[in-house]
């Protein structure tokens, strides 16, 4: 392991049991005779979306052609943490803040050729795939970014005391994954990225998502205006909710994360109760939108792989998900930034490395954004 990728002494190292993982690899299941349903899963900035579609050959190739993928394993090589080998999986999920294409208007800025990881979550799926823990990483967290070579072959030097989302804006998915692995000592088995425009359209295709707000939320920057009560959010409103940082709490990124986590659970519950199988056109529209909206690692870069991925997650409901924020404290030098609480973070990464639940002590006494409980799933 190179010096720039050596884990902090306070965080578990990158070594671990070697050998094949339980349940690793692509699992192919025969297509059914009734519409040969395709299940496509996308862990978006807002959670697991299980989608279906028709199974005709032209549809298969259409959806397959929609998916963008990056060969992260090839780019990172062997200089990274070993696979867990205990049947669990770690998935890095990013919501991209691109200013190009359909995101230009949504992002609220000019197309400057850059993109940022506006939302970042490490999803740990436990052995047996019946429950999961989700660790949100504040984009304003100051970290050491290791040197990395992006998917275009461009090498970027290491940097210290930089914001976490600078890793993505510097070197894209490859640098983001390497930074997370250096920070945690955990191997990221998969990568999934969803952009703003795709997220907004997905929510609309799903017919909206119901949430209950316990306080009024008003934020002119994210174009959100919600009175306290139950709402069925369309795509634009949902995007405004998961991006707002001025409408609730102390206006920090930590408060926004709490809203994102609440929306994830509401979305998971919504998807579980949507009747899709009797409407082939809606299934196809959803599948088309989902596959156009995501960028994955190459192991998930096909319909068959996403179908297998979906089958492995379909048993996880919102009550089976524990959602926490990376233990951080406000930076004493700059209150607009946060720094990792290394001792408490070590508890989080050690628990996940051994496929155990994250202890409550890991997040007790850490910084928070004062927005907890503002948004919940609708009753």
Protein backbone atom coordinates (compact mmCIF):
# COMPACT_ATOMS: atom_id res chain seq x y z
CA UNK A 1 0.00 0.00 0.00
CA UNK A 2 1.37 3.41 -0.95
CA UNK A 3 2.16 6.00 1.70
CA UNK A 4 -0.58 8.36 0.61
CA UNK A 5 -3.17 5.60 1.01
CA UNK A 6 -2.00 4.43 4.44
CA UNK A 7 -4.99 4.52 6.81
CA UNK A 8 -4.90 6.81 9.82
CA UNK A 9 -3.62 5.00 12.93
CA UNK A 10 -6.97 5.69 14.53
CA UNK A 11 -8.90 3.90 11.81
CA UNK A 12 -8.80 0.19 10.90
CA UNK A 13 -6.19 -0.76 8.30
CA UNK A 14 -6.97 -1.91 4.84
CA UNK A 15 -5.91 -5.51 5.39
CA UNK A 16 -8.49 -8.19 6.08
CA UNK A 17 -9.45 -11.75 5.28
CA UNK A 18 -8.76 -12.67 1.70
CA UNK A 19 -10.58 -15.08 -0.56
CA UNK A 20 -13.87 -14.94 -2.44
CA UNK A 21 -16.84 -13.20 -0.85
CA UNK A 22 -20.01 -15.08 -0.11
CA UNK A 23 -22.57 -14.11 -2.70
CA UNK A 24 -19.99 -12.25 -4.77
CA UNK A 25 -20.27 -12.01 -8.53
CA UNK A 26 -23.22 -11.70 -10.87
CA UNK A 27 -26.13 -14.05 -10.26
CA UNK A 28 -28.19 -14.78 -13.35
CA UNK A 29 -31.79 -15.88 -12.95
CA UNK A 30 -34.00 -17.19 -15.75
CA UNK A 31 -36.44 -14.66 -17.16
CA UNK A 32 -40.10 -15.48 -16.44
CA UNK A 33 -42.51 -16.38 -19.24
CA UNK A 34 -44.94 -13.65 -18.15
CA UNK A 35 -43.44 -10.47 -19.55
CA UNK A 36 -40.03 -11.81 -18.44
CA UNK A 37 -39.88 -9.11 -15.77
CA UNK A 38 -36.64 -7.25 -15.32
CA UNK A 39 -35.88 -5.91 -11.83
CA UNK A 40 -33.54 -2.99 -11.86
CA UNK A 41 -32.30 -1.46 -8.63
CA UNK A 42 -30.84 2.00 -8.25
CA UNK A 43 -29.58 3.20 -4.85
CA UNK A 44 -30.10 6.87 -5.53
CA UNK A 45 -29.13 9.89 -3.22
CA UNK A 46 -32.53 8.97 -1.82
CA UNK A 47 -32.44 5.22 -1.34
CA UNK A 48 -33.26 1.91 -2.99
CA UNK A 49 -35.61 2.07 -5.97
CA UNK A 50 -36.77 -1.31 -7.20
CA UNK A 51 -38.01 -1.06 -10.75
CA UNK A 52 -39.36 -3.49 -13.30
CA UNK A 53 -39.69 -3.61 -17.07
CA UNK A 54 -40.64 -5.72 -20.03
CA UNK A 55 -38.38 -8.49 -21.22
CA UNK A 56 -38.51 -8.20 -24.99
CA UNK A 57 -35.10 -8.36 -26.63
CA UNK A 58 -35.21 -4.82 -28.01
CA UNK A 59 -36.11 -3.50 -24.57
CA UNK A 60 -33.22 -5.40 -23.01
CA UNK A 61 -30.71 -3.90 -25.43
CA UNK A 62 -32.25 -0.44 -25.11
CA UNK A 63 -31.92 -0.49 -21.32
CA UNK A 64 -28.46 -2.04 -21.51
CA UNK A 65 -27.37 0.79 -23.79
CA UNK A 66 -28.62 3.40 -21.32
CA UNK A 67 -26.29 2.37 -18.53
CA UNK A 68 -23.01 4.26 -18.09
CA UNK A 69 -20.28 2.41 -16.20
CA UNK A 70 -16.71 2.98 -15.03
CA UNK A 71 -14.15 0.23 -14.52
CA UNK A 72 -13.10 1.30 -11.04
CA UNK A 73 -11.39 -2.02 -10.27
CA UNK A 74 -9.10 -1.59 -13.26
CA UNK A 75 -8.38 2.05 -12.43
CA UNK A 76 -7.53 1.38 -8.77
CA UNK A 77 -5.70 -1.90 -9.23
CA UNK A 78 -4.62 -3.85 -6.16
CA UNK A 79 -3.61 -0.92 -3.95
CA UNK A 80 -6.82 -0.93 -1.95
CA UNK A 81 -8.53 -2.69 0.99
CA UNK A 82 -9.33 -6.37 0.55
CA UNK A 83 -12.85 -7.63 0.11
CA UNK A 84 -14.57 -8.45 3.39
CA UNK A 85 -15.10 -12.14 2.71
CA UNK A 86 -18.03 -12.37 5.14
CA UNK A 87 -20.95 -12.06 2.72
CA UNK A 88 -21.51 -8.34 3.29
CA UNK A 89 -21.19 -5.60 0.67
CA UNK A 90 -20.28 -1.91 0.74
CA UNK A 91 -21.72 0.43 -1.88
CA UNK A 92 -20.64 4.03 -2.36
CA UNK A 93 -23.62 6.09 -3.53
CA UNK A 94 -23.14 9.62 -4.84
CA UNK A 95 -25.63 12.25 -5.96
CA UNK A 96 -23.81 14.30 -8.58
CA UNK A 97 -23.96 18.06 -8.78
CA UNK A 98 -23.07 18.31 -12.49
CA UNK A 99 -23.66 21.70 -14.16
CA UNK A 100 -23.92 20.23 -17.65
CA UNK A 101 -26.82 19.00 -19.78
CA UNK A 102 -30.16 18.64 -18.00
CA UNK A 103 -28.52 19.45 -14.68
CA UNK A 104 -27.46 22.97 -15.66
CA UNK A 105 -30.78 24.57 -14.74
CA UNK A 106 -31.31 22.35 -11.71
CA UNK A 107 -27.81 22.91 -10.39
CA UNK A 108 -28.34 26.63 -10.48
CA UNK A 109 -25.05 27.52 -12.09
CA UNK A 110 -23.17 27.77 -15.34
CA UNK A 111 -21.74 24.77 -17.13
CA UNK A 112 -18.19 25.12 -15.82
CA UNK A 113 -17.18 21.61 -16.83
CA UNK A 114 -17.04 20.39 -13.24
CA UNK A 115 -19.22 18.26 -11.02
CA UNK A 116 -19.47 17.79 -7.27
CA UNK A 117 -20.67 14.96 -5.06
CA UNK A 118 -23.56 16.83 -3.50
CA UNK A 119 -24.67 13.71 -1.60
CA UNK A 120 -22.50 10.81 -0.44
CA UNK A 121 -23.57 7.66 1.37
CA UNK A 122 -21.79 4.41 2.22
CA UNK A 123 -24.39 1.65 2.17
CA UNK A 124 -23.35 -1.48 4.09
CA UNK A 125 -25.54 -4.47 3.26
CA UNK A 126 -25.16 -7.13 5.94
CA UNK A 127 -24.64 -10.82 5.30
CA UNK A 128 -27.95 -12.34 4.23
CA UNK A 129 -29.06 -9.03 2.68
CA UNK A 130 -31.92 -8.51 5.15
CA UNK A 131 -30.71 -5.26 6.68
CA UNK A 132 -28.39 -2.36 5.95
CA UNK A 133 -26.55 0.51 7.59
CA UNK A 134 -26.12 3.81 5.75
CA UNK A 135 -23.36 6.26 6.68
CA UNK A 136 -23.71 9.74 5.19
CA UNK A 137 -20.50 11.68 4.60
CA UNK A 138 -20.89 15.47 4.88
CA UNK A 139 -19.51 17.07 1.74
CA UNK A 140 -17.82 19.77 3.88
CA UNK A 141 -15.74 17.22 5.82
CA UNK A 142 -12.01 18.01 5.71
CA UNK A 143 -10.09 14.91 4.61
CA UNK A 144 -6.79 13.82 3.14
CA UNK A 145 -7.30 12.88 -0.50
CA UNK A 146 -4.81 10.26 -1.74
CA UNK A 147 -3.16 10.51 -5.13
CA UNK A 148 -5.32 8.89 -7.77
CA UNK A 149 -5.49 8.24 -11.49
CA UNK A 150 -8.97 8.87 -12.88
CA UNK A 151 -10.82 6.88 -15.53
CA UNK A 152 -9.24 9.05 -18.27
CA UNK A 153 -5.73 8.13 -17.14
CA UNK A 154 -4.97 11.53 -15.61
CA UNK A 155 -3.04 11.39 -12.34
CA UNK A 156 -3.95 13.78 -9.52
CA UNK A 157 -1.56 14.49 -6.66
CA UNK A 158 -2.50 13.87 -3.06
CA UNK A 159 -3.92 16.77 -1.04
CA UNK A 160 -4.60 17.30 2.65
CA UNK A 161 -7.25 19.30 4.49
CA UNK A 162 -9.58 19.47 1.49
CA UNK A 163 -13.35 19.11 1.43
CA UNK A 164 -14.58 15.59 0.81
CA UNK A 165 -16.52 16.47 -2.34
CA UNK A 166 -13.33 17.90 -3.85
CA UNK A 167 -12.23 14.30 -4.51
CA UNK A 168 -15.08 13.81 -6.98
CA UNK A 169 -14.70 17.20 -8.64
CA UNK A 170 -10.97 16.51 -9.07
CA UNK A 171 -10.93 12.95 -10.36
CA UNK A 172 -14.50 11.73 -10.64
CA UNK A 173 -15.74 8.36 -9.40
CA UNK A 174 -12.30 6.76 -9.20
CA UNK A 175 -10.89 9.42 -6.88
CA UNK A 176 -14.07 9.47 -4.81
CA UNK A 177 -13.89 5.70 -4.25
CA UNK A 178 -10.18 5.81 -3.42
CA UNK A 179 -10.73 8.65 -0.94
CA UNK A 180 -13.54 6.76 0.80
CA UNK A 181 -11.48 3.59 1.00
CA UNK A 182 -8.54 5.52 2.44
CA UNK A 183 -10.81 7.22 4.96
CA UNK A 184 -12.58 4.06 6.10
CA UNK A 185 -10.24 1.14 5.47
CA UNK A 186 -13.23 -0.59 3.83
CA UNK A 187 -13.41 -1.95 0.30
CA UNK A 188 -16.19 -0.41 -1.79
CA UNK A 189 -17.67 -3.38 -3.67
CA UNK A 190 -19.88 -1.20 -5.86
CA UNK A 191 -20.32 2.40 -6.96
CA UNK A 192 -23.58 4.05 -7.96
CA UNK A 193 -24.10 7.67 -9.00
CA UNK A 194 -27.37 9.47 -9.78
CA UNK A 195 -27.58 12.98 -11.23
CA UNK A 196 -30.03 15.75 -10.36
CA UNK A 197 -32.11 15.57 -13.52
CA UNK A 198 -32.43 11.81 -13.31
CA UNK A 199 -33.47 11.89 -9.66
CA UNK A 200 -36.17 14.48 -10.34
CA UNK A 201 -37.60 12.49 -13.23
CA UNK A 202 -37.51 9.22 -11.29
CA UNK A 203 -39.63 10.68 -8.49
CA UNK A 204 -42.13 11.96 -11.07
CA UNK A 205 -42.23 8.56 -12.79
CA UNK A 206 -42.97 6.95 -9.42
CA UNK A 207 -45.93 9.27 -8.95
CA UNK A 208 -44.35 11.32 -6.18
CA UNK A 209 -43.33 10.49 -2.61
CA UNK A 210 -45.37 11.24 0.51
CA UNK A 211 -43.68 12.82 3.51
CA UNK A 212 -44.81 14.60 6.65
CA UNK A 213 -43.08 17.79 7.77
CA UNK A 214 -43.30 18.81 11.42
CA UNK A 215 -42.23 22.39 10.65
CA UNK A 216 -42.64 24.84 7.79
CA UNK A 217 -39.77 24.62 5.28
CA UNK A 218 -39.08 27.65 3.12
CA UNK A 219 -35.92 28.01 1.06
CA UNK A 220 -35.81 30.34 -1.93
CA UNK A 221 -32.48 28.89 -3.08
CA UNK A 222 -33.86 25.37 -3.49
CA UNK A 223 -37.31 26.68 -4.52
CA UNK A 224 -39.01 24.84 -1.66
CA UNK A 225 -42.06 26.08 0.23
CA UNK A 226 -43.79 23.49 2.43
CA UNK A 227 -46.17 24.07 5.30
CA UNK A 228 -46.08 21.69 8.25
CA UNK A 229 -48.17 18.65 7.37
CA UNK A 230 -48.34 15.78 4.91
CA UNK A 231 -47.30 16.35 1.30
CA UNK A 232 -46.92 14.28 -1.84
CA UNK A 233 -43.73 15.68 -3.32
CA UNK A 234 -43.18 15.72 -7.08
CA UNK A 235 -39.69 15.46 -8.51
CA UNK A 236 -38.86 19.15 -8.27
CA UNK A 237 -40.07 19.39 -4.68
CA UNK A 238 -38.26 16.19 -3.68
CA UNK A 239 -35.04 17.50 -5.17
CA UNK A 240 -35.53 20.78 -3.32
CA UNK A 241 -36.03 18.89 -0.06
CA UNK A 242 -32.89 16.77 -0.29
CA UNK A 243 -30.82 19.79 -1.35
CA UNK A 244 -32.10 22.45 1.06
CA UNK A 245 -29.71 23.58 3.74
CA UNK A 246 -31.16 27.00 4.56
CA UNK A 247 -34.80 26.08 5.17
CA UNK A 248 -34.37 24.09 8.38
CA UNK A 249 -32.15 23.82 11.44
CA UNK A 250 -28.89 25.74 11.50
CA UNK A 251 -28.49 25.87 7.72
CA UNK A 252 -25.61 23.39 7.69
CA UNK A 253 -24.89 20.42 5.46
CA UNK A 254 -25.46 18.23 8.53
CA UNK A 255 -29.08 19.33 8.70
CA UNK A 256 -29.54 18.61 5.02
CA UNK A 257 -28.21 15.09 5.56
CA UNK A 258 -30.90 14.44 8.16
CA UNK A 259 -33.55 15.46 5.61
CA UNK A 260 -31.97 13.20 3.00
CA UNK A 261 -31.98 10.24 5.35
CA UNK A 262 -35.64 10.79 6.22
CA UNK A 263 -36.53 11.02 2.55
CA UNK A 264 -34.68 7.78 1.80
CA UNK A 265 -36.89 5.92 4.26
CA UNK A 266 -40.05 7.54 2.89
CA UNK A 267 -39.03 6.59 -0.65
CA UNK A 268 -38.30 2.98 0.29
CA UNK A 269 -41.74 2.66 1.89
CA UNK A 270 -43.39 4.30 -1.12
CA UNK A 271 -41.78 1.91 -3.58
CA UNK A 272 -42.84 -1.13 -1.56
CA UNK A 273 -46.51 -0.20 -1.96
CA UNK A 274 -46.56 0.89 -5.61
CA UNK A 275 -48.41 -1.53 -7.88
CA UNK A 276 -46.28 -1.68 -11.02
CA UNK A 277 -46.64 -5.20 -12.38
CA UNK A 278 -50.01 -4.55 -14.04
CA UNK A 279 -48.77 -1.58 -16.06
CA UNK A 280 -46.06 -2.59 -18.56
CA UNK A 281 -45.71 0.91 -20.03
CA UNK A 282 -45.08 2.44 -16.63
CA UNK A 283 -42.58 -0.29 -15.87
CA UNK A 284 -40.70 0.44 -19.07
CA UNK A 285 -40.76 4.21 -18.49
CA UNK A 286 -39.36 3.72 -14.99
CA UNK A 287 -36.69 1.31 -16.13
CA UNK A 288 -35.72 3.62 -19.00
CA UNK A 289 -35.45 6.63 -16.69
CA UNK A 290 -33.52 4.70 -14.04
CA UNK A 291 -30.94 3.29 -16.43
CA UNK A 292 -30.42 6.70 -18.05
CA UNK A 293 -29.95 8.34 -14.65
CA UNK A 294 -27.24 6.18 -13.16
CA UNK A 295 -23.53 5.64 -13.56
CA UNK A 296 -22.22 2.43 -12.02
CA UNK A 297 -19.05 0.47 -11.55
CA UNK A 298 -18.49 -1.98 -14.39
CA UNK A 299 -19.66 -4.93 -12.27
CA UNK A 300 -23.15 -3.37 -12.26
CA UNK A 301 -22.96 -2.07 -15.82
CA UNK A 302 -25.58 -4.33 -17.39
CA UNK A 303 -29.28 -5.09 -16.97
CA UNK A 304 -28.52 -8.62 -15.79
CA UNK A 305 -26.13 -7.35 -13.12
CA UNK A 306 -28.60 -4.72 -11.91
CA UNK A 307 -31.34 -7.36 -11.84
CA UNK A 308 -29.18 -9.55 -9.63
CA UNK A 309 -28.31 -6.55 -7.47
CA UNK A 310 -32.02 -5.77 -7.06
CA UNK A 311 -32.85 -9.31 -6.06
CA UNK A 312 -30.26 -9.06 -3.32
CA UNK A 313 -31.79 -5.89 -1.88
CA UNK A 314 -35.52 -6.45 -2.27
CA UNK A 315 -35.93 -7.78 1.27
CA UNK A 316 -34.66 -4.58 2.90
CA UNK A 317 -37.36 -2.18 4.09
CA UNK A 318 -37.06 1.20 5.78
CA UNK A 319 -37.30 -0.41 9.23
CA UNK A 320 -34.29 -2.58 8.32
CA UNK A 321 -32.07 0.43 7.61
CA UNK A 322 -30.00 2.20 10.25
CA UNK A 323 -28.94 5.62 9.03
CA UNK A 324 -26.19 7.66 10.67
CA UNK A 325 -23.86 10.51 9.77
CA UNK A 326 -20.10 10.10 9.82
CA UNK A 327 -19.03 11.19 13.33
CA UNK A 328 -17.67 14.71 12.94
CA UNK A 329 -17.07 17.85 14.96
CA UNK A 330 -17.11 21.44 13.75
CA UNK A 331 -13.69 22.63 12.68
CA UNK A 332 -12.44 25.06 15.37
CA UNK A 333 -10.66 27.09 12.69
CA UNK A 334 -13.57 27.30 10.24
CA UNK A 335 -17.11 26.63 11.58
CA UNK A 336 -18.31 26.12 7.99
CA UNK A 337 -16.26 22.92 7.83
CA UNK A 338 -16.26 19.73 9.88
CA UNK A 339 -13.48 17.32 10.83
CA UNK A 340 -13.70 13.57 11.45
CA UNK A 341 -14.00 12.48 15.07
CA UNK A 342 -11.42 9.72 14.62
CA UNK A 343 -12.13 7.75 17.78
CA UNK A 344 -15.85 7.56 17.07
CA UNK A 345 -15.36 6.99 13.35
CA UNK A 346 -13.17 4.03 14.25
CA UNK A 347 -16.17 2.48 16.02
CA UNK A 348 -18.25 2.84 12.85
CA UNK A 349 -15.67 1.34 10.47
CA UNK A 350 -14.76 -1.47 12.87
CA UNK A 351 -18.41 -2.45 13.24
CA UNK A 352 -18.96 -2.53 9.48
CA UNK A 353 -15.69 -4.37 8.85
CA UNK A 354 -16.95 -7.15 11.12
CA UNK A 355 -20.53 -6.95 9.78
CA UNK A 356 -21.89 -5.75 13.09
CA UNK A 357 -24.42 -3.05 13.96
CA UNK A 358 -23.06 0.45 14.47
CA UNK A 359 -23.05 1.15 18.23
CA UNK A 360 -25.00 4.13 19.54
CA UNK A 361 -21.83 5.39 21.24
CA UNK A 362 -20.28 6.02 17.83
CA UNK A 363 -22.51 9.00 17.11
CA UNK A 364 -23.27 10.23 20.62
CA UNK A 365 -21.93 13.72 21.26
CA UNK A 366 -20.99 14.45 17.66
CA UNK A 367 -22.03 17.48 15.61
CA UNK A 368 -25.52 17.50 14.10
CA UNK A 369 -27.52 19.87 11.95
CA UNK A 370 -30.57 20.31 14.20
CA UNK A 371 -33.03 19.05 11.58
CA UNK A 372 -33.76 15.62 12.99
CA UNK A 373 -37.46 14.77 13.02
CA UNK A 374 -38.46 17.61 10.68
CA UNK A 375 -39.36 15.16 7.89
CA UNK A 376 -40.79 11.66 8.30
CA UNK A 377 -42.54 9.13 6.09
CA UNK A 378 -46.23 9.95 5.71
CA UNK A 379 -48.48 7.86 7.99
